[in-house]
Protein backbone atom coordinates (compact mmCIF):
# COMPACT_ATOMS: atom_id res chain seq x y z
CA UNK A 1 104.79 138.01 66.78
CA UNK A 2 102.91 137.32 63.58
CA UNK A 3 105.91 138.32 61.53
CA UNK A 4 108.09 135.88 63.50
CA UNK A 5 105.58 133.05 62.88
CA UNK A 6 105.47 133.87 59.15
CA UNK A 7 109.27 133.79 59.00
CA UNK A 8 109.35 130.50 60.85
CA UNK A 9 106.70 129.01 58.60
CA UNK A 10 108.53 130.18 55.51
CA UNK A 11 111.73 128.66 56.85
CA UNK A 12 110.02 125.35 57.52
CA UNK A 13 108.63 125.26 54.04
CA UNK A 14 111.96 126.13 52.48
CA UNK A 15 113.66 123.34 54.42
CA UNK A 16 111.07 120.79 53.32
CA UNK A 17 111.27 121.97 49.71
CA UNK A 18 115.00 121.31 49.73
CA UNK A 19 114.43 117.68 50.73
CA UNK A 20 114.16 115.24 47.78
CA UNK A 21 110.83 113.40 47.63
CA UNK A 22 111.15 109.96 49.14
CA UNK A 23 108.78 107.23 50.10
CA UNK A 24 108.77 103.60 51.16
CA UNK A 25 108.58 101.32 48.13
CA UNK A 26 106.77 98.03 48.80
CA UNK A 27 108.48 95.41 46.59
CA UNK A 28 105.95 92.74 47.80
CA UNK A 29 103.61 92.54 50.80
CA UNK A 30 102.03 89.25 49.53
CA UNK A 31 98.54 90.74 49.60
CA UNK A 32 98.05 89.68 45.95
CA UNK A 33 99.37 86.90 43.71
CA UNK A 34 98.10 83.95 45.83
CA UNK A 35 100.17 80.81 45.54
CA UNK A 36 99.96 77.29 46.99
CA UNK A 37 102.57 74.83 45.68
CA UNK A 38 103.99 71.55 47.02
CA UNK A 39 106.75 69.26 45.79
CA UNK A 40 108.59 66.19 47.10
CA UNK A 41 111.53 66.17 44.69
CA UNK A 42 113.10 68.17 41.86
CA UNK A 43 112.10 71.75 41.22
CA UNK A 44 109.05 73.80 40.26
CA UNK A 45 108.71 77.16 38.55
CA UNK A 46 105.56 79.29 38.91
CA UNK A 47 104.49 82.92 38.30
CA UNK A 48 101.85 85.02 39.99
CA UNK A 49 100.43 88.37 38.90
CA UNK A 50 99.57 91.16 41.27
CA UNK A 51 100.48 94.46 42.88
CA UNK A 52 104.09 93.54 43.56
CA UNK A 53 106.93 95.47 41.84
CA UNK A 54 106.96 94.72 38.15
CA UNK A 55 103.47 93.22 38.33
CA UNK A 56 104.76 89.61 38.51
CA UNK A 57 106.35 87.39 41.11
CA UNK A 58 108.52 84.54 39.86
CA UNK A 59 108.67 81.56 42.20
CA UNK A 60 111.22 78.74 42.12
CA UNK A 61 111.18 75.87 44.63
CA UNK A 62 113.72 73.05 44.75
CA UNK A 63 114.12 70.06 47.05
CA UNK A 64 117.75 69.15 47.59
CA UNK A 65 117.20 66.16 49.91
CA UNK A 66 114.19 64.35 51.23
CA UNK A 67 114.68 61.52 53.77
CA UNK A 68 111.07 60.43 54.04
CA UNK A 69 109.42 61.55 50.72
CA UNK A 70 107.44 64.22 52.54
CA UNK A 71 106.57 67.63 51.01
CA UNK A 72 108.21 71.00 50.66
CA UNK A 73 105.46 73.62 50.54
CA UNK A 74 105.09 77.33 49.71
CA UNK A 75 101.88 79.28 50.13
CA UNK A 76 100.51 82.81 50.77
CA UNK A 77 98.00 83.16 53.59
CA UNK A 78 96.46 86.46 54.86
CA UNK A 79 99.25 88.55 53.38
CA UNK A 80 102.21 86.40 54.38
CA UNK A 81 104.58 84.16 52.35
CA UNK A 82 105.15 80.77 54.07
CA UNK A 83 107.78 78.16 53.43
CA UNK A 84 107.32 74.77 55.10
CA UNK A 85 109.74 71.84 55.03
CA UNK A 86 108.24 68.74 56.53
CA UNK A 87 110.40 66.36 58.58
CA UNK A 88 113.59 65.40 56.81
CA UNK A 89 113.07 67.71 53.82
CA UNK A 90 115.73 70.27 52.76
CA UNK A 91 115.04 72.80 50.05
CA UNK A 92 115.23 76.42 48.97
CA UNK A 93 112.90 78.97 47.50
CA UNK A 94 113.57 81.87 45.18
CA UNK A 95 111.17 84.77 44.55
CA UNK A 96 111.97 87.18 41.75
CA UNK A 97 110.72 90.52 40.42
CA UNK A 98 111.37 91.66 36.85
CA UNK A 99 111.24 88.17 35.31
CA UNK A 100 108.94 86.10 33.09
CA UNK A 101 108.61 82.38 32.35
CA UNK A 102 110.66 81.42 29.32
CA UNK A 103 110.20 77.69 28.70
CA UNK A 104 110.42 76.83 32.38
CA UNK A 105 113.24 79.24 33.27
CA UNK A 106 113.51 82.77 34.66
CA UNK A 107 114.03 85.30 31.85
CA UNK A 108 114.72 89.03 32.21
CA UNK A 109 111.91 91.53 31.99
CA UNK A 110 113.32 94.89 33.03
CA UNK A 111 111.43 96.76 35.80
CA UNK A 112 113.49 99.98 35.45
CA UNK A 113 112.72 100.55 39.12
CA UNK A 114 113.96 103.90 40.43
CA UNK A 115 115.13 103.57 44.06
CA UNK A 116 117.36 106.63 44.12
CA UNK A 117 115.36 108.14 46.95
CA UNK A 118 115.70 105.02 49.16
CA UNK A 119 118.76 103.75 50.96
CA UNK A 120 118.11 100.15 52.07
CA UNK A 121 116.01 97.00 51.65
CA UNK A 122 114.17 95.54 54.61
CA UNK A 123 112.92 91.96 54.65
CA UNK A 124 110.47 91.47 57.46
CA UNK A 125 110.33 87.87 58.79
CA UNK A 126 107.60 87.03 61.27
CA UNK A 127 108.76 83.54 62.32
CA UNK A 128 111.37 80.88 61.59
CA UNK A 129 112.54 77.85 63.45
CA UNK A 130 115.84 76.75 61.84
CA UNK A 131 118.73 78.94 60.65
CA UNK A 132 118.06 80.53 57.23
CA UNK A 133 120.44 81.89 54.64
CA UNK A 134 118.90 84.80 52.68
CA UNK A 135 120.55 85.97 49.49
CA UNK A 136 119.40 89.09 47.68
CA UNK A 137 120.53 89.48 44.04
CA UNK A 138 120.09 92.70 42.16
CA UNK A 139 120.61 93.33 38.42
CA UNK A 140 121.16 96.72 36.85
CA UNK A 141 122.50 97.56 33.38
CA UNK A 142 123.51 93.95 32.78
CA UNK A 143 125.42 93.63 36.05
CA UNK A 144 124.33 91.26 38.78
CA UNK A 145 125.50 91.49 42.42
CA UNK A 146 124.54 89.26 45.38
CA UNK A 147 124.53 89.82 49.12
CA UNK A 148 123.91 87.04 51.64
CA UNK A 149 122.77 87.40 55.25
CA UNK A 150 121.91 84.80 57.80
CA UNK A 151 119.14 84.39 60.39
CA UNK A 152 119.78 82.30 63.52
CA UNK A 153 117.41 79.55 64.53
CA UNK A 154 114.91 79.28 67.35
CA UNK A 155 112.91 82.38 66.43
CA UNK A 156 109.39 81.02 66.17
CA UNK A 157 106.86 83.88 66.37
CA UNK A 158 109.72 86.30 66.89
CA UNK A 159 109.58 89.00 64.23
CA UNK A 160 112.94 90.15 62.85
CA UNK A 161 114.08 92.46 60.04
CA UNK A 162 116.95 91.74 57.71
CA UNK A 163 118.46 94.99 56.45
CA UNK A 164 120.44 95.29 53.18
CA UNK A 165 121.92 98.77 52.97
CA UNK A 166 122.43 100.08 49.47
CA UNK A 167 125.97 101.04 50.48
CA UNK A 168 126.80 97.36 50.78
CA UNK A 169 126.53 96.99 47.01
CA UNK A 170 129.33 98.33 44.84
CA UNK A 171 128.10 97.96 41.25
CA UNK A 172 124.34 98.54 41.29
CA UNK A 173 122.74 101.71 39.91
CA UNK A 174 119.77 102.12 42.26
CA UNK A 175 118.14 104.64 39.92
CA UNK A 176 117.55 101.80 37.47
CA UNK A 177 117.09 98.36 39.09
CA UNK A 178 115.95 95.82 36.54
CA UNK A 179 115.65 92.60 38.57
CA UNK A 180 115.39 91.60 42.23
CA UNK A 181 115.81 87.99 43.30
CA UNK A 182 115.66 86.80 46.86
CA UNK A 183 116.58 83.21 47.87
CA UNK A 184 115.55 81.64 51.19
CA UNK A 185 117.72 78.60 51.92
CA UNK A 186 116.21 76.85 54.97
CA UNK A 187 117.85 73.94 56.71
CA UNK A 188 116.32 70.46 56.98
CA UNK A 189 112.73 70.63 58.33
CA UNK A 190 112.91 74.44 58.45
CA UNK A 191 109.87 76.76 58.27
CA UNK A 192 109.67 80.45 57.62
CA UNK A 193 106.94 83.09 57.49
CA UNK A 194 107.68 86.27 55.53
CA UNK A 195 105.70 89.52 55.96
CA UNK A 196 107.09 91.93 53.32
CA UNK A 197 110.05 93.11 51.21
CA UNK A 198 110.47 96.86 51.03
CA UNK A 199 112.84 99.58 49.89
CA UNK A 200 113.05 102.14 52.65
CA UNK A 201 114.26 105.79 52.57
CA UNK A 202 116.22 107.63 55.21
CA UNK A 203 113.98 109.52 57.68
CA UNK A 204 115.51 112.81 56.49
CA UNK A 205 112.21 114.58 55.75
CA UNK A 206 110.74 113.91 59.19
CA UNK A 207 113.98 114.90 60.91
CA UNK A 208 114.09 118.22 59.11
CA UNK A 209 110.40 118.88 59.66
CA UNK A 210 110.81 118.25 63.43
CA UNK A 211 113.77 120.62 63.46
CA UNK A 212 111.84 123.33 61.54
CA UNK A 213 108.85 123.05 63.83
CA UNK A 214 111.03 123.25 66.92
CA UNK A 215 112.70 126.36 65.48
CA UNK A 216 109.24 127.90 64.84
CA UNK A 217 108.22 127.15 68.47
CA UNK A 218 111.31 128.84 69.83
CA UNK A 219 110.79 131.90 67.68
CA UNK A 220 107.13 132.10 68.83
CA UNK A 221 108.15 131.85 72.48
CA UNK A 222 110.79 134.59 72.10
CA UNK A 223 108.64 136.99 70.11
């Protein structure tokens, strides 16, 4: 019986050793780099330092229409990123990683982020009231590619996850991602609360481990 267990354990370890190391990569969980900005017209560019990928978060806000001269606001509170359009205000927000402020404009600052062990981005939204268009732009080796997805309205306090599979991009080298830019285009008077942006691996390791342990249990039972 001991020999069977040793064989099973060795098999389990060999299976796990064959699996490439992978881990969830937190692009931004908004636990650092506090921001509180408000505009009524035009645009604003701001940068925050923190634990996000690249060490900096670039923020661009722009008001595209404003019926009553009210405010368009962005802030971070208790680890969330909040966009608030007051009545009659329409605007969009961009957050970027791998950028720096060059005379009031986003400029490239390569992150060289290796995401070869991951297979998708997940954007976790905690709440939004109006429909939202979310565009993720990636830049690698001088090539930029964008992918847009849409959230329906009427999802106040209803968490949802937007998934961007790496296979949906055709030109990006995920072993060397230099910039990530995410744009949230809310409709008039729209609000949104964002929890995190992550690069997520396939659950291969856990699947193989479960299989190896099940095999070990069968061998133990039959020994």
